[in-house]
Amino acid sequence: MADIVITYRCKCMVAEESFNVRPRRKSEDVVEWVQGPVTAGLVAAHRRRSPWCDSPATDYVKIPAPDSAPFLGGEPKLDS
């Protein structure tokens, strides 16, 4: 499984940054996936980039939803 690239921006940042997270499993609840690996990845990526930031929230987080993905956070299906 290829990782999904999540993009985010915080008030302390001039531009968007991104991090990788594993795709959501078919049987995995989207809320559990966002609250688990997506949030953990976001916190780790932001701490590495901006350890001094004390903002309680990001401006936004973008989870890609390509037409070829079977569900939000799912691994896109490639044409063979």
N, C-alpha and C. Protein backbone atom coordinates (compact mmCIF):
# COMPACT_ATOMS: atom_id res chain seq x y z
N MET A 1 0.83 -1.19 0.00
CA MET A 1 0.00 0.00 0.00
C MET A 1 0.87 1.25 0.00
N ALA A 2 0.57 2.16 -0.89
CA ALA A 2 1.30 3.43 -0.95
C ALA A 2 0.68 4.41 0.04
N ASP A 3 1.51 5.22 0.64
CA ASP A 3 1.01 6.23 1.57
C ASP A 3 0.22 7.31 0.84
N ILE A 4 -0.63 7.99 1.60
CA ILE A 4 -1.40 9.12 1.10
C ILE A 4 -0.70 10.39 1.60
N VAL A 5 -0.64 11.41 0.76
CA VAL A 5 -0.01 12.68 1.14
C VAL A 5 -1.11 13.63 1.63
N ILE A 6 -0.99 14.04 2.88
CA ILE A 6 -1.92 14.97 3.52
C ILE A 6 -1.24 16.34 3.55
N THR A 7 -1.97 17.38 3.20
CA THR A 7 -1.44 18.75 3.19
C THR A 7 -2.13 19.55 4.29
N TYR A 8 -1.37 20.42 4.95
CA TYR A 8 -1.96 21.24 6.02
C TYR A 8 -1.28 22.60 6.08
N ARG A 9 -1.92 23.49 6.81
CA ARG A 9 -1.33 24.82 7.06
C ARG A 9 -1.74 25.27 8.45
N CYS A 10 -0.79 25.89 9.13
CA CYS A 10 -1.02 26.43 10.47
C CYS A 10 -0.76 27.93 10.43
N LYS A 11 -1.26 28.65 11.40
CA LYS A 11 -1.06 30.10 11.47
C LYS A 11 0.42 30.48 11.52
N CYS A 12 1.26 29.58 12.03
CA CYS A 12 2.69 29.89 12.16
C CYS A 12 3.45 29.68 10.85
N MET A 13 2.78 29.19 9.82
CA MET A 13 3.44 28.82 8.57
C MET A 13 3.13 29.81 7.45
N VAL A 14 4.09 30.01 6.57
CA VAL A 14 3.90 30.88 5.41
C VAL A 14 3.22 30.09 4.29
N ALA A 15 3.58 28.82 4.15
CA ALA A 15 3.05 27.99 3.07
C ALA A 15 2.57 26.65 3.60
N GLU A 16 1.86 25.93 2.76
CA GLU A 16 1.40 24.58 3.12
C GLU A 16 2.59 23.64 3.29
N GLU A 17 2.40 22.65 4.12
CA GLU A 17 3.36 21.56 4.28
C GLU A 17 2.59 20.26 4.11
N SER A 18 3.30 19.17 3.98
CA SER A 18 2.62 17.89 3.82
C SER A 18 3.35 16.79 4.57
N PHE A 19 2.64 15.69 4.79
CA PHE A 19 3.20 14.50 5.44
C PHE A 19 2.48 13.29 4.86
N ASN A 20 3.08 12.14 5.03
CA ASN A 20 2.50 10.89 4.53
C ASN A 20 1.79 10.14 5.64
N VAL A 21 0.72 9.45 5.28
CA VAL A 21 -0.01 8.61 6.22
C VAL A 21 -0.49 7.37 5.46
N ARG A 22 -0.64 6.29 6.18
CA ARG A 22 -1.10 5.06 5.52
C ARG A 22 -2.55 5.23 5.06
N PRO A 23 -2.93 4.56 3.98
CA PRO A 23 -4.33 4.63 3.54
C PRO A 23 -5.27 4.01 4.57
N ARG A 24 -6.50 4.44 4.52
CA ARG A 24 -7.53 3.89 5.40
C ARG A 24 -7.92 2.50 4.90
N ARG A 25 -8.05 1.58 5.83
CA ARG A 25 -8.48 0.24 5.47
C ARG A 25 -9.97 0.24 5.15
N LYS A 26 -10.39 -0.66 4.30
CA LYS A 26 -11.79 -0.71 3.86
C LYS A 26 -12.76 -0.81 5.04
N SER A 27 -12.40 -1.59 6.04
CA SER A 27 -13.30 -1.80 7.19
C SER A 27 -13.09 -0.76 8.30
N GLU A 28 -12.15 0.16 8.12
CA GLU A 28 -11.83 1.14 9.16
C GLU A 28 -12.75 2.35 9.08
N ASP A 29 -13.30 2.76 10.20
CA ASP A 29 -14.17 3.93 10.27
C ASP A 29 -13.36 5.19 9.96
N VAL A 30 -13.92 6.08 9.15
CA VAL A 30 -13.19 7.28 8.73
C VAL A 30 -12.85 8.16 9.93
N VAL A 31 -13.73 8.27 10.91
CA VAL A 31 -13.45 9.10 12.09
C VAL A 31 -12.28 8.51 12.88
N GLU A 32 -12.25 7.19 13.06
CA GLU A 32 -11.15 6.55 13.77
C GLU A 32 -9.83 6.73 13.02
N TRP A 33 -9.88 6.68 11.68
CA TRP A 33 -8.67 6.87 10.87
C TRP A 33 -8.15 8.31 11.02
N VAL A 34 -9.07 9.29 10.98
CA VAL A 34 -8.65 10.69 11.12
C VAL A 34 -8.14 10.95 12.53
N GLN A 35 -8.83 10.45 13.54
CA GLN A 35 -8.41 10.68 14.92
C GLN A 35 -7.17 9.88 15.30
N GLY A 36 -6.87 8.83 14.57
CA GLY A 36 -5.71 7.99 14.85
C GLY A 36 -4.50 8.39 14.03
N PRO A 37 -4.22 7.67 12.93
CA PRO A 37 -2.99 7.92 12.18
C PRO A 37 -2.88 9.30 11.52
N VAL A 38 -3.99 9.87 11.09
CA VAL A 38 -3.90 11.20 10.46
C VAL A 38 -3.52 12.25 11.50
N THR A 39 -4.18 12.24 12.64
CA THR A 39 -3.86 13.22 13.69
C THR A 39 -2.45 13.01 14.23
N ALA A 40 -2.06 11.76 14.43
CA ALA A 40 -0.71 11.48 14.93
C ALA A 40 0.34 11.97 13.93
N GLY A 41 0.10 11.74 12.66
CA GLY A 41 1.03 12.21 11.63
C GLY A 41 1.10 13.72 11.57
N LEU A 42 -0.04 14.38 11.69
CA LEU A 42 -0.10 15.84 11.66
C LEU A 42 0.66 16.43 12.85
N VAL A 43 0.42 15.91 14.03
CA VAL A 43 1.09 16.42 15.23
C VAL A 43 2.61 16.23 15.12
N ALA A 44 3.03 15.05 14.70
CA ALA A 44 4.47 14.77 14.57
C ALA A 44 5.12 15.66 13.52
N ALA A 45 4.47 15.80 12.37
CA ALA A 45 5.03 16.62 11.29
C ALA A 45 5.13 18.08 11.72
N HIS A 46 4.10 18.58 12.38
CA HIS A 46 4.11 19.99 12.77
C HIS A 46 5.12 20.26 13.89
N ARG A 47 5.25 19.33 14.82
CA ARG A 47 6.24 19.50 15.89
C ARG A 47 7.66 19.54 15.33
N ARG A 48 7.93 18.68 14.33
CA ARG A 48 9.26 18.68 13.71
C ARG A 48 9.52 20.01 12.99
N ARG A 49 8.50 20.54 12.33
CA ARG A 49 8.67 21.74 11.53
C ARG A 49 8.64 23.01 12.38
N SER A 50 7.75 23.05 13.36
CA SER A 50 7.55 24.27 14.17
C SER A 50 7.44 23.92 15.65
N PRO A 51 8.54 23.53 16.28
CA PRO A 51 8.46 23.11 17.68
C PRO A 51 8.03 24.21 18.65
N TRP A 52 8.16 25.47 18.24
CA TRP A 52 7.79 26.60 19.09
C TRP A 52 6.30 26.98 18.98
N CYS A 53 5.59 26.43 18.00
CA CYS A 53 4.20 26.83 17.75
C CYS A 53 3.30 26.39 18.89
N ASP A 54 2.45 27.31 19.37
CA ASP A 54 1.52 26.97 20.44
C ASP A 54 0.06 27.11 20.01
N SER A 55 -0.18 27.17 18.70
CA SER A 55 -1.54 27.28 18.19
C SER A 55 -2.32 26.00 18.52
N PRO A 56 -3.55 26.12 18.99
CA PRO A 56 -4.33 24.93 19.35
C PRO A 56 -4.96 24.23 18.15
N ALA A 57 -4.86 24.82 16.96
CA ALA A 57 -5.49 24.21 15.78
C ALA A 57 -4.77 24.65 14.52
N THR A 58 -4.94 23.86 13.47
CA THR A 58 -4.40 24.23 12.17
C THR A 58 -5.42 25.09 11.43
N ASP A 59 -4.97 25.79 10.40
CA ASP A 59 -5.90 26.54 9.56
C ASP A 59 -6.76 25.56 8.76
N TYR A 60 -6.11 24.54 8.19
CA TYR A 60 -6.84 23.51 7.44
C TYR A 60 -5.97 22.28 7.25
N VAL A 61 -6.63 21.18 6.94
CA VAL A 61 -5.98 19.92 6.58
C VAL A 61 -6.69 19.42 5.34
N LYS A 62 -5.92 19.05 4.31
CA LYS A 62 -6.50 18.56 3.06
C LYS A 62 -6.20 17.07 2.90
N ILE A 63 -7.26 16.27 2.86
CA ILE A 63 -7.14 14.84 2.61
C ILE A 63 -7.57 14.62 1.16
N PRO A 64 -6.68 14.10 0.32
CA PRO A 64 -7.04 13.93 -1.08
C PRO A 64 -8.17 12.91 -1.24
N ALA A 65 -9.03 13.17 -2.19
CA ALA A 65 -10.15 12.27 -2.47
C ALA A 65 -10.25 12.07 -3.98
N PRO A 66 -9.28 11.34 -4.56
CA PRO A 66 -9.31 11.14 -6.01
C PRO A 66 -10.50 10.29 -6.43
N ASP A 67 -10.98 10.51 -7.64
CA ASP A 67 -12.11 9.73 -8.16
C ASP A 67 -11.81 8.24 -8.17
N SER A 68 -10.53 7.86 -8.29
CA SER A 68 -10.17 6.46 -8.37
C SER A 68 -10.08 5.77 -7.01
N ALA A 69 -10.23 6.53 -5.92
CA ALA A 69 -10.21 5.92 -4.59
C ALA A 69 -11.60 5.39 -4.27
N PRO A 70 -11.68 4.18 -3.70
CA PRO A 70 -12.99 3.60 -3.43
C PRO A 70 -13.74 4.27 -2.28
N PHE A 71 -13.02 5.01 -1.40
CA PHE A 71 -13.62 5.71 -0.26
C PHE A 71 -12.62 6.72 0.25
N LEU A 72 -13.07 7.71 1.05
CA LEU A 72 -12.20 8.75 1.57
C LEU A 72 -11.04 8.12 2.34
N GLY A 73 -9.83 8.48 1.94
CA GLY A 73 -8.64 7.95 2.59
C GLY A 73 -8.20 6.60 2.04
N GLY A 74 -8.97 6.06 1.11
CA GLY A 74 -8.62 4.78 0.53
C GLY A 74 -7.52 4.90 -0.51
N GLU A 75 -6.84 3.81 -0.75
CA GLU A 75 -5.78 3.82 -1.74
C GLU A 75 -6.38 3.90 -3.14
N PRO A 76 -5.94 4.85 -3.96
CA PRO A 76 -6.48 4.95 -5.32
C PRO A 76 -6.24 3.69 -6.13
N LYS A 77 -7.19 3.35 -6.95
CA LYS A 77 -7.04 2.19 -7.84
C LYS A 77 -6.45 2.68 -9.15
N LEU A 78 -5.39 2.03 -9.58
CA LEU A 78 -4.73 2.39 -10.82
C LEU A 78 -5.27 1.54 -11.96
N ASP A 79 -5.45 2.16 -13.11
CA ASP A 79 -5.91 1.41 -14.30
C ASP A 79 -4.79 0.48 -14.74
N SER A 80 -5.14 -0.74 -15.06
CA SER A 80 -4.14 -1.72 -15.50
C SER A 80 -4.07 -1.77 -17.00
